[in-house]
Each structure stands twice: as structure tokens, then as C-alpha cells.
Amino acid sequence: MKRPPKNLGLLFDWHAEQSRTTKLVLDRPFDIAPAAGTDHDATALAGLVQEASGWLYAAGARKGDRIAVVKGNHFDMVLLAAAAARIGATAATISGANYPEHLAEMLQRLDPAVTLITSQVLEKAERAGVDLTSFGRTVLIDGAPADPKAGLLTIDGLRGSATPTLDLRADGEPMMITHSSGTTNTPKLVAHTADSCRAGTRLELLPMPVAVNGAKDVCLSSISFAHSRAYAWAMAQLRWAPKALVIASSHEAEDVERVLERVRPTTVEATPNVFQRWVPLVRRRPELFARVRYYMNTFDLMHPSIARPFVNASKRRFVLWGHSWGQSEVGPIAGFGYTRGQINRRAASGGNMNMMGNPWPGLVSVKVADPETGAPVKQGQVGVLFAKAKSICVDYVGESDRYAEKWKGSWWNTGDIGYKDALGRIHFVDRAVDAIQGGSATELESELLDRIENAVEVIVLTRGDRSPVPVVSLDGPDLSAEQWAEVTRGLPPLEAPVFIPWDRLPRTSTWKVRRKELRGMVFAEGSDDTVLEERFT
């Protein structure tokens, strides 16, 4: 098979023309095509992208314009971005799970000519007193507008519009805009070109053993389709054309269980916190994962105690866990394949999966450096990780000054803290904003997750010179003081735990915990950081 085109606007047409194609199996119909069912072949996908380009053009979008797509998680966000690219516009795919005030700030930065948005997102914003209908021409994705006098267009009203002539932007101009997770504040709008996207996808276009899906594979993905990973994933999967691509737009275990009852995947990709949410499912119904030969996690650090039940559920003789480190701004940076035996040994010994492997050769360079000077530190010494690659984004839309501050010469500050070992492998320690003195919060979290049998989430919050505070979510009753003393025996000093139900933890659209907001929940404002345990009892 040939390599796919660089430009997203051509991708689905190209795939439909190949001798071997794949099909999409959805957990629910697309929001932009609710009557089209849950199975889409290559021809149907290409036709839907062309049709959607007509909607955008009829709504007033033109070459060089920016378009906002604000909706719930589904692969149709990528289809709308492809439709925008066909007419030379640039779509910003924005998760509707963001807070209304953050959405308003992001849309203000974006200044779109057209905003496509769902009624659910609009209604949530209205309840919060936020107006999201004043950013360009507003097109309601689903149904009719609540107020006919508001003058909102609808996709249903635009169906049947003529398909405009293909008019792509140059490969060095912005082709897509995604956003960062936003764990500390309003997400950043990350702009990529066709060139930077191709540089970030080159790795997955190589015929890597195990990691590449073959003609007989059934690939399940449950990621945030608003983020840049979704674009690279789509490009690679349409290149290799497995038997089926299964889209689990909902991360909830009960919804995924229904999908797995329909089709059993051979490869699975999700974020660490999604896998974590599925742990009770894999323990209760391991047969659903029996055919999986390859797992992959993106967006965040994986813990061996979470990976263990998944690799053990597989009946395959050899199963591999692809542990990837990357960022929305950079793309893939490093990765390592953990075998079933390695994961079981690390989980049994209280180990972790913080070793992220070597930077991808020929694609990206990484140095460990002093955050202020950018000067390299000695081997084994902890510092900030800087990256150099052609895949790095070209701007933060509306925040170019912030973008410029991330550079130290030709090196990009990832904001992650780690070190390199004697083999040049990267060991992740913490995010810079979450670092604790003399240790690693992520290592402590891995250890506690392994020691607490019914733990579904552990977050260690730093407090300057004081002992960190663990926030624990359990699938069962809270631990007594005696039980806590036992599970923390031999660990660095920790304050008493704060127990918070999993569904009350503030999360981003990639299900990362919003640590800054969590700190506000846990620590009393203006009271010497006293832990307010009674808030959650």
C-alpha cells in the first residue's frame, strides 16, 4: 500500500481508492450522521467528508478561515476537520467536556468564522451563564435551535449543499488545531501543519512488528478524538487497513462492555485513566479481552498494577503493552514495549513503568537540561526534558507569546521532569508543576495503587516542604487509620489520605485529573493548607 497523503483533506478519498480498505464500527452513530448507523465503509466515510465540506462552505467558511468544532467525543470530529481542510479552512476540534468558561476563552482566542456545536454543550453553557453563540456563524450539529429567533443554522438545514471544489492549503500552513489537556488551566490551542503532522505520524507509517495492525486485526480505540493523537491514529490506521476499526467514543465501562460483546478486538488503545476505569470490567469479564495481542496507552503515565489484569486476560501466547510518551505539541517522543512478564514482575515488586524507552531515532531528539539555562545535565541527573523534532506544533493560537516562551534556542521545553540512564532511555519522574522534593509523585502513586487492593485512583498532591497529601478513590469502603498505616509502611512520609469518590474527581477530556482544581477541593483556602476531609465524607 502507498503512503497516505499529508493533507487530512485528501485522506479519506485516498483510502477509498485503495485495493484494501477498512471499515469503522461505532459504539453509537455519528452526531453528524445519526441516521447512518454504526457501520461505515471507506466509500461512506469519504462521501460523508465531502458532504460535510458542503455544509461548511454553505455556512460561510472559506479558505484561510478557522472553524470551531465543539461537541462530545466521537470520531466525527476528525471527519469535520478533514471536511474543513478540503476547502482550505482549519478546524479546531474542541472537546465539549471542557468547562463553559474555558470554552468561551478558547473560542475567543480562535476567532472562528463558523462554530459547529451541539445543543448539549450550548445548554450546559447557558446554565452556567456563558454565551457560546457569538463566535462566528453558529451551526447546531444536532436538532433545531431552542429559540428559532436566535438565527442559528443547523446541519440538517445544510444537508444537500453542493460539494465545493477541492482547495487545499500549502503543507507548511496550519491544517488542524487541537488543544492540550488543560490539567492546570484553560487548554492551549495547538496548531499543526500538514508537514508537522506527517513528521509526527512517520513512526506509525513504518512496518513495525507487533505495533502495526495487519489485515486480520480488529483495532479498538477509546481516546479523545478532539486531540492530535486522533489525527495520527486515523492516518496510520487508514494506511494499514485492518479488518475493522472499532470506535469506543464513550469511555464508561458499561458502554465499552456492550461494544466488546459485539466485536472482540486484537489491539486496544486508550488513555491510562480509561484503562483504569475498565479494571473492574476486565476482572469481571476477562474473556472480552482474550484475543488482544497488543495494548497501547497514550497521553499519560501507565501503572503496572493497572496494566497487569489486561495482559493476563489475553489468551495470546505473546502480548505486548506499548507505553508511549508524547505530547499534543510534539507528537510521539519515546516509547517502550513491556511484555506480560515484565508487567507482572513490576506489579508484584511494587515497581513502575516510568521507564519510557529511547527517543524515536531519526524522528526526535531529547536532552535533559536545567530549566533556566537549557544546559544539559549529567547522565542520571534529574532535569527538565527538552525535545527537538520536525513534528513540533507551529503556534498556540491566540497565545503566540506563550508559544515563544517554550523554546530554548532550537529546543522545546516539554514541562516534564526526568532523566536518562546509561542506555539513553528516558525515565519519567513528574510533570514540573507536580514535582515533589526528593522523590517522584508518579512512583508513589504506582506503589499505592499496587498496595491498595480496591484503589481506582491515587493522586499525590505536593505541598512545598511539607509531606504530600494522597487523594484516594476506592471501589469500596474507605480505609481505616490502621489499614492506611499498613499500606504505607516503608514509604516516604505522607499526610493522612483524603478519600474522594472517583466520579467527583475533576477531569479533563482525556480523563487526566485536573490537579490544580483538585488542590482547591482538598486544601482549605487561607487556612494553612489544612486538609478538609469532611468535604468528602
Protein backbone atom coordinates (compact mmCIF):
# COMPACT_ATOMS: atom_id res chain seq x y z
CA MET A 1 0.00 0.00 0.00
CA LYS A 2 1.16 3.52 -0.71
CA ARG A 3 1.77 6.12 1.94
CA PRO A 4 -1.27 8.30 2.63
CA PRO A 5 -1.30 11.96 1.58
CA LYS A 6 -0.02 14.56 4.03
CA ASN A 7 -3.16 16.66 3.96
CA LEU A 8 -6.09 15.45 6.05
CA GLY A 9 -8.48 16.78 3.42
CA LEU A 10 -7.34 14.08 0.99
CA LEU A 11 -7.04 11.17 3.42
CA PHE A 12 -10.49 9.61 3.21
CA ASP A 13 -10.75 9.93 -0.58
CA TRP A 14 -7.31 8.31 -0.88
CA HIS A 15 -8.27 5.44 1.41
CA ALA A 16 -11.46 4.71 -0.54
CA GLU A 17 -9.37 4.31 -3.70
CA GLN A 18 -7.07 1.63 -2.25
CA SER A 19 -7.35 -2.06 -3.08
CA ARG A 20 -7.62 -2.94 0.62
CA THR A 21 -9.74 -0.79 2.91
CA THR A 22 -11.06 -0.95 6.45
CA LYS A 23 -14.42 -0.19 8.00
CA LEU A 24 -15.48 1.71 11.11
CA VAL A 25 -17.63 0.04 13.75
CA LEU A 26 -19.09 2.64 16.11
CA ASP A 27 -20.44 2.35 19.62
CA ARG A 28 -23.13 4.85 18.61
CA PRO A 29 -23.97 6.69 15.37
CA PHE A 30 -22.05 9.81 14.46
CA ASP A 31 -23.58 13.03 15.80
CA ILE A 32 -23.29 14.49 12.30
CA ALA A 33 -25.00 11.45 10.71
CA PRO A 34 -27.37 9.96 13.29
CA ALA A 35 -29.42 8.06 10.70
CA ALA A 36 -26.42 6.42 9.05
CA GLY A 37 -25.99 3.65 11.59
CA THR A 38 -22.88 2.32 13.26
CA ASP A 39 -21.02 0.65 10.37
CA HIS A 40 -19.22 2.79 7.79
CA ASP A 41 -17.06 1.51 4.94
CA ALA A 42 -14.37 3.53 3.18
CA THR A 43 -16.69 4.84 0.47
CA ALA A 44 -19.25 6.02 3.02
CA LEU A 45 -16.58 7.83 5.07
CA ALA A 46 -15.18 9.62 2.01
CA GLY A 47 -18.69 10.60 0.96
CA LEU A 48 -19.51 11.95 4.41
CA VAL A 49 -16.36 14.10 4.45
CA GLN A 50 -17.23 15.53 1.02
CA GLU A 51 -20.80 16.18 2.10
CA ALA A 52 -19.66 17.91 5.30
CA SER A 53 -17.37 20.20 3.28
CA GLY A 54 -20.52 21.40 1.55
CA TRP A 55 -22.15 22.21 4.89
CA LEU A 56 -19.15 24.25 5.98
CA TYR A 57 -18.97 26.14 2.71
CA ALA A 58 -22.70 26.85 2.78
CA ALA A 59 -22.31 28.17 6.35
CA GLY A 60 -19.81 30.73 5.08
CA ALA A 61 -16.43 29.10 5.72
CA ARG A 62 -13.75 29.91 3.15
CA LYS A 63 -10.08 29.18 2.52
CA GLY A 64 -7.91 30.59 5.31
CA ASP A 65 -10.78 30.70 7.83
CA ARG A 66 -10.76 28.98 11.18
CA ILE A 67 -13.66 26.74 12.17
CA ALA A 68 -14.56 25.57 15.68
CA VAL A 69 -15.97 22.07 16.27
CA VAL A 70 -17.27 21.82 19.84
CA LYS A 71 -19.01 18.58 20.75
CA GLY A 72 -18.96 15.34 22.66
CA ASN A 73 -16.31 12.74 21.99
CA HIS A 74 -16.57 10.87 18.68
CA PHE A 75 -14.54 10.19 15.55
CA ASP A 76 -16.76 12.53 13.53
CA MET A 77 -14.63 15.38 14.91
CA VAL A 78 -11.82 14.10 12.67
CA LEU A 79 -14.24 13.88 9.73
CA LEU A 80 -15.28 17.51 10.20
CA ALA A 81 -11.62 18.57 10.40
CA ALA A 82 -10.99 16.71 7.12
CA ALA A 83 -14.00 18.46 5.57
CA ALA A 84 -12.61 21.84 6.62
CA ALA A 85 -9.18 21.00 5.18
CA ARG A 86 -10.79 20.13 1.82
CA ILE A 87 -11.88 23.76 1.40
CA GLY A 88 -8.67 25.24 2.81
CA ALA A 89 -10.13 26.11 6.20
CA THR A 90 -8.60 24.99 9.51
CA ALA A 91 -10.79 23.28 12.08
CA ALA A 92 -10.14 23.43 15.80
CA THR A 93 -11.56 20.29 17.39
CA ILE A 94 -12.55 21.21 20.94
CA SER A 95 -13.95 18.77 23.46
CA GLY A 96 -17.37 19.70 24.78
CA ALA A 97 -16.26 18.27 28.13
CA ASN A 98 -14.30 21.46 28.83
CA TYR A 99 -15.85 23.91 31.27
CA PRO A 100 -18.10 26.53 29.62
CA GLU A 101 -15.88 29.42 30.76
CA HIS A 102 -12.86 27.63 29.26
CA LEU A 103 -14.75 27.07 26.00
CA ALA A 104 -15.56 30.77 25.80
CA GLU A 105 -11.92 31.68 26.36
CA MET A 106 -10.74 29.20 23.74
CA LEU A 107 -13.27 30.41 21.18
CA GLN A 108 -12.25 34.00 21.82
CA ARG A 109 -8.62 33.08 21.09
CA LEU A 110 -9.64 31.14 17.99
CA ASP A 111 -11.91 33.82 16.49
CA PRO A 112 -13.67 31.33 14.17
CA ALA A 113 -15.67 32.20 11.08
CA VAL A 114 -18.00 29.27 11.80
CA THR A 115 -18.67 27.37 15.03
CA LEU A 116 -20.26 23.92 14.93
CA ILE A 117 -21.61 22.98 18.34
CA THR A 118 -24.05 20.53 19.92
CA SER A 119 -27.18 21.53 21.80
CA GLN A 120 -25.90 19.72 24.91
CA VAL A 121 -22.80 21.93 25.05
CA LEU A 122 -24.86 25.07 24.42
CA GLU A 123 -27.38 24.21 27.12
CA LYS A 124 -24.66 23.45 29.66
CA ALA A 125 -23.07 26.81 28.90
CA GLU A 126 -26.39 28.61 29.19
CA ARG A 127 -26.96 27.12 32.65
CA ALA A 128 -23.53 28.46 33.62
CA GLY A 129 -24.39 31.91 32.26
CA VAL A 130 -21.96 31.62 29.33
CA ASP A 131 -22.96 32.54 25.76
CA LEU A 132 -21.20 30.42 23.13
CA THR A 133 -23.25 31.63 20.15
CA SER A 134 -21.29 34.81 19.45
CA PHE A 135 -18.20 33.29 17.85
CA GLY A 136 -18.73 33.47 14.11
CA ARG A 137 -21.68 31.84 12.39
CA THR A 138 -23.11 29.21 14.76
CA VAL A 139 -24.23 25.85 13.34
CA LEU A 140 -26.11 23.49 15.62
CA ILE A 141 -24.92 19.95 14.99
CA ASP A 142 -27.99 18.18 16.33
CA GLY A 143 -31.66 19.09 16.11
CA ALA A 144 -33.28 22.50 15.81
CA PRO A 145 -32.21 25.55 17.83
CA ALA A 146 -34.08 26.06 21.09
CA ASP A 147 -35.00 29.57 20.03
CA PRO A 148 -35.90 29.89 16.31
CA LYS A 149 -35.31 33.65 16.57
CA ALA A 150 -31.68 33.09 17.53
CA GLY A 151 -30.84 32.65 13.87
CA LEU A 152 -28.74 29.51 14.34
CA LEU A 153 -28.12 27.28 11.37
CA THR A 154 -28.38 23.52 11.71
CA ILE A 155 -26.60 20.69 9.93
CA ASP A 156 -29.98 19.29 8.96
CA GLY A 157 -30.75 22.60 7.28
CA LEU A 158 -27.45 22.45 5.36
CA ARG A 159 -27.71 18.86 4.14
CA GLY A 160 -27.75 18.59 0.39
CA SER A 161 -25.47 21.60 -0.12
CA ALA A 162 -23.23 21.34 -3.18
CA THR A 163 -19.76 19.90 -2.60
CA PRO A 164 -17.23 22.71 -3.18
CA THR A 165 -14.13 22.34 -5.30
CA LEU A 166 -11.09 20.91 -3.52
CA ASP A 167 -8.89 23.83 -2.41
CA LEU A 168 -6.12 22.75 -0.03
CA ARG A 169 -3.74 24.97 1.89
CA ALA A 170 0.02 24.59 1.49
CA ASP A 171 1.68 21.87 3.56
CA GLY A 172 3.51 24.46 5.66
CA GLU A 173 0.32 26.33 6.64
CA PRO A 174 -1.97 25.38 9.55
CA MET A 175 -4.07 22.34 8.69
CA MET A 176 -5.56 21.43 12.06
CA ILE A 177 -5.87 22.83 15.58
CA THR A 178 -6.30 20.66 18.63
CA HIS A 179 -5.93 21.50 22.29
CA SER A 180 -3.85 20.42 25.25
CA SER A 181 -5.44 18.52 28.13
CA GLY A 182 -5.74 21.55 30.39
CA THR A 183 -4.86 19.90 33.70
CA THR A 184 -3.90 23.22 35.32
CA ASN A 185 -5.97 25.81 33.47
CA THR A 186 -7.71 26.62 30.18
CA PRO A 187 -6.34 24.32 27.45
CA LYS A 188 -3.97 25.76 24.88
CA LEU A 189 -4.97 25.70 21.19
CA VAL A 190 -2.22 23.78 19.40
CA ALA A 191 -1.76 24.47 15.68
CA HIS A 192 -0.20 21.89 13.35
CA THR A 193 0.58 21.93 9.64
CA ALA A 194 0.44 19.02 7.20
CA ASP A 195 4.24 18.91 7.46
CA SER A 196 4.33 18.73 11.27
CA CYS A 197 1.53 16.16 11.29
CA ARG A 198 3.37 13.93 8.83
CA ALA A 199 6.54 14.22 10.91
CA GLY A 200 4.55 13.07 13.95
CA THR A 201 2.96 10.18 12.06
CA ARG A 202 6.07 8.87 10.28
CA LEU A 203 6.73 6.36 13.06
CA GLU A 204 3.35 4.66 12.69
CA LEU A 205 3.65 4.56 8.91
CA LEU A 206 6.67 2.26 9.28
CA PRO A 207 6.02 -1.51 9.28
CA MET A 208 6.87 -2.01 12.94
CA PRO A 209 6.38 -5.60 14.12
CA VAL A 210 3.53 -6.14 16.60
CA ALA A 211 2.58 -2.46 16.81
CA VAL A 212 1.21 -2.20 13.26
CA ASN A 213 -2.26 -3.59 12.62
CA GLY A 214 -2.47 -6.32 9.98
CA ALA A 215 -5.27 -7.29 7.64
CA LYS A 216 -6.81 -9.67 10.21
CA ASP A 217 -6.62 -7.28 13.18
CA VAL A 218 -9.60 -5.65 14.85
CA CYS A 219 -8.41 -2.39 16.41
CA LEU A 220 -10.36 -0.70 19.22
CA SER A 221 -9.66 2.92 20.14
CA SER A 222 -11.11 4.78 23.10
CA ILE A 223 -9.22 8.06 23.14
CA SER A 224 -10.18 11.73 22.97
CA PHE A 225 -10.91 12.30 19.28
CA ALA A 226 -10.54 16.05 19.80
CA HIS A 227 -6.81 15.66 20.35
CA SER A 228 -3.87 15.38 17.96
CA ARG A 229 -3.44 11.67 18.71
CA ALA A 230 -6.70 11.03 16.85
CA TYR A 231 -5.27 12.52 13.64
CA ALA A 232 -2.09 10.43 13.75
CA TRP A 233 -4.15 7.35 14.63
CA ALA A 234 -6.51 7.89 11.69
CA MET A 235 -3.65 8.42 9.25
CA ALA A 236 -1.86 5.25 10.37
CA GLN A 237 -4.93 3.01 10.54
CA LEU A 238 -6.15 4.02 7.09
CA ARG A 239 -2.63 3.31 5.82
CA TRP A 240 -2.58 -0.25 7.21
CA ALA A 241 -6.31 -1.00 6.78
CA PRO A 242 -7.02 -3.65 9.44
CA LYS A 243 -10.18 -5.77 9.27
CA ALA A 244 -12.10 -3.24 11.38
CA LEU A 245 -11.59 -0.08 13.43
CA VAL A 246 -13.82 -0.03 16.50
CA ILE A 247 -14.60 3.40 17.91
CA ALA A 248 -15.47 3.47 21.63
CA SER A 249 -16.42 7.13 21.95
CA SER A 250 -17.70 6.53 25.48
CA HIS A 251 -15.05 5.52 28.00
CA GLU A 252 -17.55 4.19 30.54
CA ALA A 253 -17.09 0.50 31.30
CA GLU A 254 -20.74 -0.43 30.74
CA ASP A 255 -20.72 1.15 27.27
CA VAL A 256 -17.43 -0.48 26.33
CA GLU A 257 -18.75 -3.82 27.56
CA ARG A 258 -21.61 -3.62 25.05
CA VAL A 259 -19.13 -2.88 22.26
CA LEU A 260 -16.90 -5.80 23.25
CA GLU A 261 -19.88 -8.12 23.22
CA ARG A 262 -20.35 -7.22 19.53
CA VAL A 263 -16.72 -7.47 18.45
CA ARG A 264 -13.58 -8.79 20.15
CA PRO A 265 -10.50 -6.66 19.40
CA THR A 266 -6.96 -7.85 18.83
CA THR A 267 -5.40 -4.44 19.58
CA VAL A 268 -6.64 -1.85 22.06
CA GLU A 269 -5.62 1.78 22.58
CA ALA A 270 -6.88 4.03 25.37
CA THR A 271 -5.57 6.53 27.89
CA PRO A 272 -4.24 5.28 31.24
CA ASN A 273 -7.19 6.63 33.19
CA VAL A 274 -9.60 4.94 30.80
CA PHE A 275 -7.82 1.61 31.27
CA GLN A 276 -8.01 2.30 34.99
CA ARG A 277 -11.77 2.76 34.76
CA TRP A 278 -12.03 -0.58 32.94
CA VAL A 279 -10.19 -2.61 35.59
CA PRO A 280 -13.41 -3.88 37.27
CA LEU A 281 -14.66 -4.89 33.80
CA VAL A 282 -11.56 -6.89 32.85
CA ARG A 283 -11.58 -8.59 36.24
CA ARG A 284 -15.25 -9.50 35.93
CA ARG A 285 -15.20 -10.43 32.24
CA PRO A 286 -11.64 -11.24 31.16
CA GLU A 287 -12.93 -13.16 28.13
CA LEU A 288 -13.76 -9.84 26.44
CA PHE A 289 -10.03 -9.16 26.16
CA ALA A 290 -8.94 -12.73 25.41
CA ARG A 291 -7.95 -12.05 21.76
CA VAL A 292 -5.87 -8.91 22.45
CA ARG A 293 -2.24 -9.21 21.38
CA TYR A 294 -1.25 -5.54 21.75
CA TYR A 295 -2.28 -2.75 24.10
CA MET A 296 -1.18 0.86 23.80
CA ASN A 297 -1.63 3.80 26.11
CA THR A 298 -1.19 7.46 25.25
CA PHE A 299 -1.46 10.87 26.96
CA ASP A 300 -0.23 9.87 30.41
CA LEU A 301 1.85 7.51 32.54
CA MET A 302 0.68 3.90 32.99
CA HIS A 303 0.92 1.98 36.26
CA PRO A 304 1.80 -1.76 36.18
CA SER A 305 -0.98 -2.64 38.61
CA ILE A 306 -3.48 -1.30 36.03
CA ALA A 307 -1.85 -2.99 33.02
CA ARG A 308 -1.50 -6.36 34.78
CA PRO A 309 -5.14 -7.59 34.63
CA PHE A 310 -5.36 -6.68 30.94
CA VAL A 311 -2.26 -8.54 29.79
CA ASN A 312 -3.25 -11.53 31.94
CA ALA A 313 -6.76 -11.57 30.42
CA SER A 314 -5.28 -12.19 26.98
CA LYS A 315 -5.11 -15.82 25.87
CA ARG A 316 -2.46 -14.99 23.29
CA ARG A 317 0.93 -16.61 23.84
CA PHE A 318 2.67 -13.27 23.40
CA VAL A 319 1.07 -9.97 24.40
CA LEU A 320 2.79 -6.60 24.42
CA TRP A 321 1.99 -3.29 26.09
CA GLY A 322 3.13 -0.23 24.13
CA HIS A 323 3.91 2.54 26.61
CA SER A 324 4.20 5.83 24.73
CA TRP A 325 5.37 9.26 25.83
CA GLY A 326 4.22 12.12 23.66
CA GLN A 327 2.50 15.48 23.75
CA SER A 328 -0.11 17.35 21.72
CA GLU A 329 2.58 19.87 20.83
CA VAL A 330 5.29 17.40 19.86
CA GLY A 331 3.71 14.10 18.89
CA PRO A 332 5.44 10.83 19.83
CA ILE A 333 8.70 11.33 21.71
CA ALA A 334 9.67 7.93 23.12
CA GLY A 335 8.18 4.52 23.72
CA PHE A 336 8.83 1.08 25.11
CA GLY A 337 7.17 -2.31 24.74
CA TYR A 338 6.53 -4.11 28.03
CA THR A 339 5.93 -7.86 27.91
CA ARG A 340 3.42 -9.66 30.11
CA GLY A 341 6.24 -10.99 32.25
CA GLN A 342 7.80 -7.56 32.74
CA ILE A 343 4.48 -6.05 33.79
CA ASN A 344 3.72 -8.88 36.21
CA ARG A 345 7.16 -8.66 37.80
CA ARG A 346 6.97 -4.88 38.18
CA ALA A 347 3.46 -5.06 39.65
CA ALA A 348 4.47 -7.82 42.07
CA SER A 349 7.56 -5.98 43.29
CA GLY A 350 5.93 -2.56 43.65
CA GLY A 351 7.76 -1.31 40.57
CA ASN A 352 6.59 1.20 38.00
CA MET A 353 6.53 1.82 34.26
CA ASN A 354 8.28 5.20 34.41
CA MET A 355 10.97 4.00 32.02
CA MET A 356 9.69 5.30 28.69
CA GLY A 357 12.35 3.86 26.37
CA ASN A 358 14.63 5.69 23.95
CA PRO A 359 13.65 8.73 21.89
CA TRP A 360 12.49 7.56 18.47
CA PRO A 361 15.68 7.51 16.35
CA GLY A 362 15.68 9.80 13.36
CA LEU A 363 12.43 11.44 14.46
CA VAL A 364 13.08 13.26 17.71
CA SER A 365 16.00 14.19 19.97
CA VAL A 366 15.65 14.63 23.74
CA LYS A 367 18.00 16.24 26.23
CA VAL A 368 17.75 16.55 30.00
CA ALA A 369 18.61 20.10 30.97
CA ASP A 370 18.47 22.85 33.50
CA PRO A 371 15.09 24.58 33.05
CA GLU A 372 16.52 28.08 33.31
CA THR A 373 19.64 27.86 31.15
CA GLY A 374 18.80 24.91 28.91
CA ALA A 375 22.27 23.50 29.60
CA PRO A 376 22.43 19.67 29.64
CA VAL A 377 22.78 17.93 33.00
CA LYS A 378 24.87 14.82 33.72
CA GLN A 379 23.66 11.31 32.92
CA GLY A 380 21.31 10.06 35.63
CA GLN A 381 20.67 13.56 36.94
CA VAL A 382 17.08 14.77 37.02
CA GLY A 383 16.16 17.77 34.92
CA VAL A 384 13.55 19.14 32.54
CA LEU A 385 13.11 17.20 29.31
CA PHE A 386 13.59 19.21 26.11
CA ALA A 387 12.70 17.92 22.64
CA LYS A 388 13.82 18.74 19.12
CA ALA A 389 11.70 17.47 16.21
CA LYS A 390 10.05 18.48 12.95
CA SER A 391 6.73 17.39 14.45
CA ILE A 392 6.54 20.24 16.98
CA CYS A 393 3.49 22.49 16.58
CA VAL A 394 3.79 25.88 14.89
CA ASP A 395 1.84 28.04 17.34
CA TYR A 396 -0.51 28.38 20.27
CA VAL A 397 -3.44 30.12 18.60
CA GLY A 398 -4.09 33.44 20.31
CA GLU A 399 -1.08 32.94 22.61
CA SER A 400 1.96 33.28 20.40
CA ASP A 401 3.99 34.86 23.20
CA ARG A 402 3.35 31.81 25.37
CA TYR A 403 4.42 29.60 22.49
CA ALA A 404 7.68 31.52 22.07
CA GLU A 405 8.46 31.13 25.78
CA LYS A 406 8.51 27.34 25.39
CA TRP A 407 11.64 27.47 23.24
CA LYS A 408 15.24 27.47 24.43
CA GLY A 409 17.03 28.03 21.15
CA SER A 410 16.03 25.10 18.95
CA TRP A 411 14.80 23.00 21.90
CA TRP A 412 11.19 22.72 23.09
CA ASN A 413 10.51 22.63 26.83
CA THR A 414 8.12 19.70 27.37
CA GLY A 415 7.44 20.68 31.00
CA ASP A 416 8.18 17.09 32.07
CA ILE A 417 10.88 16.10 34.54
CA GLY A 418 13.03 13.03 34.12
CA TYR A 419 16.49 11.63 33.50
CA LYS A 420 18.42 9.42 31.07
CA ASP A 421 20.08 6.17 32.10
CA ALA A 422 23.33 4.71 30.74
CA LEU A 423 21.46 3.28 27.72
CA GLY A 424 19.94 6.66 26.86
CA ARG A 425 16.47 5.59 27.94
CA ILE A 426 14.17 8.24 29.38
CA HIS A 427 12.84 7.79 32.88
CA PHE A 428 9.83 9.97 33.64
CA VAL A 429 9.75 11.46 37.15
CA ASP A 430 6.94 14.05 37.19
CA ARG A 431 5.35 16.95 35.45
CA ALA A 432 7.27 20.06 36.52
CA VAL A 433 4.16 21.52 38.16
CA ASP A 434 3.57 18.31 40.18
CA ALA A 435 7.13 17.52 41.31
CA ILE A 436 7.87 16.64 44.93
CA GLN A 437 11.17 17.18 46.66
CA GLY A 438 13.49 14.19 46.84
CA GLY A 439 11.19 11.75 45.05
CA SER A 440 8.56 11.11 42.43
CA ALA A 441 4.82 11.57 42.86
CA THR A 442 4.16 9.17 39.98
CA GLU A 443 6.26 6.44 41.63
CA LEU A 444 4.37 6.90 44.89
CA GLU A 445 1.07 6.70 43.03
CA SER A 446 2.13 3.45 41.33
CA GLU A 447 3.17 1.97 44.67
CA LEU A 448 -0.08 2.92 46.41
CA LEU A 449 -2.22 1.66 43.53
CA ASP A 450 -0.49 -1.69 43.83
CA ARG A 451 -0.74 -1.88 47.61
CA ILE A 452 -4.40 -0.82 47.95
CA GLU A 453 -6.42 -3.68 46.53
CA ASN A 454 -9.61 -1.75 45.71
CA ALA A 455 -8.00 1.54 44.67
CA VAL A 456 -9.29 3.00 41.39
CA GLU A 457 -7.31 6.26 41.54
CA VAL A 458 -4.46 7.68 43.60
CA ILE A 459 -3.19 11.24 43.21
CA VAL A 460 -0.32 12.56 45.32
CA LEU A 461 -0.53 16.34 45.84
CA THR A 462 2.58 18.31 46.70
CA ARG A 463 2.74 20.98 49.41
CA GLY A 464 6.16 22.59 49.22
CA ASP A 465 8.34 21.47 52.14
CA ARG A 466 5.50 19.61 53.82
CA SER A 467 4.63 15.94 53.32
CA PRO A 468 2.50 15.20 50.24
CA VAL A 469 -1.21 14.52 50.59
CA PRO A 470 -2.57 11.38 48.87
CA VAL A 471 -6.05 11.60 47.36
CA VAL A 472 -7.57 8.14 47.05
CA SER A 473 -10.65 6.83 45.22
CA LEU A 474 -11.78 3.35 46.20
CA ASP A 475 -14.15 0.74 44.83
CA GLY A 476 -15.40 0.03 48.34
CA PRO A 477 -15.25 1.49 51.85
CA ASP A 478 -12.56 3.94 52.97
CA LEU A 479 -9.50 2.59 54.73
CA SER A 480 -9.21 2.80 58.49
CA ALA A 481 -6.22 4.52 60.10
CA GLU A 482 -4.75 1.10 60.86
CA GLN A 483 -5.19 -0.11 57.27
CA TRP A 484 -3.61 3.08 55.94
CA ALA A 485 -0.63 2.67 58.27
CA GLU A 486 -0.14 -0.85 56.93
CA VAL A 487 -0.29 0.02 53.21
CA THR A 488 2.13 2.95 53.65
CA ARG A 489 4.66 1.03 55.71
CA GLY A 490 8.15 1.76 54.39
CA LEU A 491 7.05 4.63 52.13
CA PRO A 492 8.21 8.26 52.44
CA PRO A 493 6.19 10.34 54.94
CA LEU A 494 2.65 11.13 53.75
CA GLU A 495 -0.16 13.08 55.33
CA ALA A 496 -3.42 11.34 56.14
CA PRO A 497 -5.31 10.40 52.96
CA VAL A 498 -8.31 12.23 51.58
CA PHE A 499 -10.92 9.84 50.18
CA ILE A 500 -12.92 11.19 47.22
CA PRO A 501 -15.31 9.16 45.04
CA TRP A 502 -13.98 8.63 41.53
CA ASP A 503 -16.88 10.45 39.86
CA ARG A 504 -16.18 13.59 41.92
CA LEU A 505 -12.59 13.96 40.74
CA PRO A 506 -12.27 16.89 38.30
CA ARG A 507 -11.08 15.57 34.93
CA THR A 508 -10.04 16.80 31.52
CA SER A 509 -11.39 15.48 28.21
CA THR A 510 -8.55 12.91 28.20
CA TRP A 511 -9.61 11.89 31.72
CA LYS A 512 -6.50 13.30 33.31
CA VAL A 513 -7.16 14.67 36.79
CA ARG A 514 -7.19 18.48 36.95
CA ARG A 515 -4.64 18.68 39.74
CA LYS A 516 -4.86 22.42 40.24
CA GLU A 517 -8.61 22.20 40.74
CA LEU A 518 -8.21 19.13 42.93
CA ARG A 519 -5.86 21.10 45.18
CA GLY A 520 -8.57 23.70 45.59
CA MET A 521 -11.02 20.97 46.59
CA VAL A 522 -8.66 19.31 49.06
CA PHE A 523 -6.89 22.21 50.72
CA ALA A 524 -8.76 24.86 52.68
CA GLU A 525 -8.20 28.31 51.25
CA GLY A 526 -6.40 30.65 53.65
CA SER A 527 -6.16 28.09 56.43
CA ASP A 528 -2.55 26.95 56.25
CA ASP A 529 -3.36 24.17 53.73
CA THR A 530 -5.44 22.22 56.22
CA VAL A 531 -6.94 19.16 54.60
CA LEU A 532 -10.73 19.36 54.54
CA GLU A 533 -11.51 15.69 54.81
CA GLU A 534 -15.05 16.42 55.92
CA ARG A 535 -15.85 17.84 52.48
CA PHE A 536 -15.89 14.34 51.04
CA THR A 537 -17.43 12.30 53.83
